[in-house]
Amino acid sequence: MAEVICAGVAFLDYVFEAEPPASNDSKIFARNYQQFGGGMAATASVSVVRLGGKSALWGRVGNDEAGERIRAGLARRGVQTEFLRQIDGAQSPVSSIVIGPQGVRQAVVFPGRNLDSDPD
């Protein structure tokens, strides 16, 4: 069985199915809405588990609601999260994604705030 450490970012993605805005100052209504875990390292760690391996995510999120949702979602999917640091006073990475009918997407990404760069 493969054992993999994925180091990097984990996001909480808010995904809307809707027509992308036609102008800069507009309001659109979504046909559907879902929340997903995202981020390249987090997504890779879940993929390893789904393919039958073991994975751990090493990264940083805030000690906030989004960070807890990210951590809990990874743990529910079998990813080892003991090295996912939840940092007090930090904001977790989140994104808002609008997916149009032809699959075209528009993303607004917040990479987090005060996620220190200490490698410990």
Protein backbone atom coordinates (compact mmCIF):
# COMPACT_ATOMS: atom_id res chain seq x y z
CA MET A 1 0.00 0.00 0.00
CA ALA A 2 1.36 3.42 -0.95
CA GLU A 3 2.02 5.92 1.84
CA VAL A 4 2.13 9.53 0.67
CA ILE A 5 2.71 12.87 2.39
CA CYS A 6 1.08 15.78 0.54
CA ALA A 7 2.49 19.17 1.58
CA GLY A 8 0.70 22.34 0.61
CA VAL A 9 -2.56 24.16 0.54
CA ALA A 10 -6.10 23.19 1.49
CA PHE A 11 -9.10 25.37 0.61
CA LEU A 12 -12.81 25.43 1.32
CA ASP A 13 -14.50 25.94 -2.07
CA TYR A 14 -17.97 27.44 -2.42
CA VAL A 15 -19.15 26.31 -5.87
CA PHE A 16 -22.14 27.86 -7.65
CA GLU A 17 -23.72 26.75 -10.93
CA ALA A 18 -24.91 29.91 -12.68
CA GLU A 19 -24.50 32.11 -15.71
CA PRO A 20 -21.29 34.11 -15.27
CA PRO A 21 -21.93 37.86 -14.80
CA ALA A 22 -22.53 39.72 -18.06
CA SER A 23 -21.35 43.05 -16.66
CA ASN A 24 -19.17 44.36 -13.88
CA ASP A 25 -22.06 45.50 -11.69
CA SER A 26 -24.63 42.71 -11.70
CA LYS A 27 -26.38 40.13 -9.55
CA ILE A 28 -26.86 36.55 -10.69
CA PHE A 29 -28.87 33.71 -9.19
CA ALA A 30 -27.37 30.24 -8.89
CA ARG A 31 -29.13 27.07 -10.05
CA ASN A 32 -27.14 25.00 -7.56
CA TYR A 33 -24.65 25.45 -4.69
CA GLN A 34 -22.24 23.05 -2.98
CA GLN A 35 -19.23 23.17 -0.69
CA PHE A 36 -16.14 21.11 -1.39
CA GLY A 37 -12.66 20.77 -0.03
CA GLY A 38 -10.11 22.05 -2.49
CA GLY A 39 -6.49 22.97 -2.96
CA MET A 40 -3.96 20.91 -4.87
CA ALA A 41 -2.33 19.14 -1.91
CA ALA A 42 -5.63 18.42 -0.15
CA THR A 43 -7.22 17.09 -3.33
CA ALA A 44 -4.18 14.90 -4.01
CA SER A 45 -4.27 13.49 -0.47
CA VAL A 46 -7.94 12.49 -0.85
CA SER A 47 -7.18 10.93 -4.26
CA VAL A 48 -4.46 8.76 -2.73
CA VAL A 49 -6.93 7.40 -0.16
CA ARG A 50 -9.62 6.81 -2.79
CA LEU A 51 -7.10 4.80 -4.81
CA GLY A 52 -6.38 2.56 -1.82
CA GLY A 53 -3.30 4.24 -0.36
CA LYS A 54 -2.55 6.08 2.86
CA SER A 55 -1.99 9.82 2.86
CA ALA A 56 -1.29 12.65 5.25
CA LEU A 57 -1.69 16.35 4.56
CA TRP A 58 0.98 18.67 5.90
CA GLY A 59 -0.17 22.26 5.66
CA ARG A 60 -1.76 25.23 7.41
CA VAL A 61 -5.26 26.53 7.90
CA GLY A 62 -6.74 29.00 10.33
CA ASN A 63 -8.20 28.01 13.66
CA ASP A 64 -11.55 29.22 12.33
CA GLU A 65 -14.79 27.66 11.07
CA ALA A 66 -13.45 27.16 7.55
CA GLY A 67 -10.27 25.55 8.89
CA GLU A 68 -12.26 23.16 11.03
CA ARG A 69 -14.47 22.22 8.06
CA ILE A 70 -11.38 21.58 5.95
CA ARG A 71 -9.76 19.42 8.66
CA ALA A 72 -12.96 17.48 9.42
CA GLY A 73 -13.68 16.86 5.73
CA LEU A 74 -10.19 15.46 5.13
CA ALA A 75 -10.41 13.26 8.22
CA ARG A 76 -13.83 11.90 7.12
CA ARG A 77 -12.24 10.88 3.83
CA GLY A 78 -9.43 9.00 5.59
CA VAL A 79 -6.63 11.56 5.26
CA GLN A 80 -4.30 11.78 8.26
CA THR A 81 -4.57 15.36 9.56
CA GLU A 82 -2.33 15.40 12.63
CA PHE A 83 0.20 17.58 10.77
CA LEU A 84 -2.40 20.00 9.41
CA ARG A 85 -1.71 23.03 11.61
CA GLN A 86 -4.66 25.17 12.68
CA ILE A 87 -3.16 28.57 13.49
CA ASP A 88 -4.82 30.84 16.05
CA GLY A 89 -5.74 34.26 14.64
CA ALA A 90 -5.33 33.13 11.02
CA GLN A 91 -8.01 32.95 8.32
CA SER A 92 -8.23 29.80 6.22
CA PRO A 93 -8.04 29.78 2.42
CA VAL A 94 -11.45 29.90 0.72
CA SER A 95 -12.68 30.39 -2.83
CA SER A 96 -15.92 31.18 -4.59
CA ILE A 97 -16.32 29.49 -7.96
CA VAL A 98 -19.05 30.11 -10.53
CA ILE A 99 -19.42 27.37 -13.13
CA GLY A 100 -21.40 28.22 -16.27
CA PRO A 101 -23.49 25.82 -18.38
CA GLN A 102 -20.61 25.04 -20.78
CA GLY A 103 -18.22 24.34 -17.88
CA VAL A 104 -16.52 27.74 -18.04
CA ARG A 105 -15.53 28.83 -14.54
CA GLN A 106 -14.82 32.07 -12.78
CA ALA A 107 -13.01 31.92 -9.42
CA VAL A 108 -12.43 34.41 -6.63
CA VAL A 109 -9.66 33.09 -4.40
CA PHE A 110 -8.71 34.20 -0.87
CA PRO A 111 -5.37 32.52 -0.03
CA GLY A 112 -5.82 32.99 3.72
CA ARG A 113 -4.37 35.49 6.14
CA ASN A 114 -1.70 35.23 8.85
CA LEU A 115 -0.80 31.64 7.93
CA ASP A 116 2.76 31.83 9.19
CA SER A 117 5.65 30.42 7.16
CA ASP A 118 7.24 28.50 10.08
CA PRO A 119 8.16 25.09 8.61
CA ASP A 120 7.53 23.30 11.95
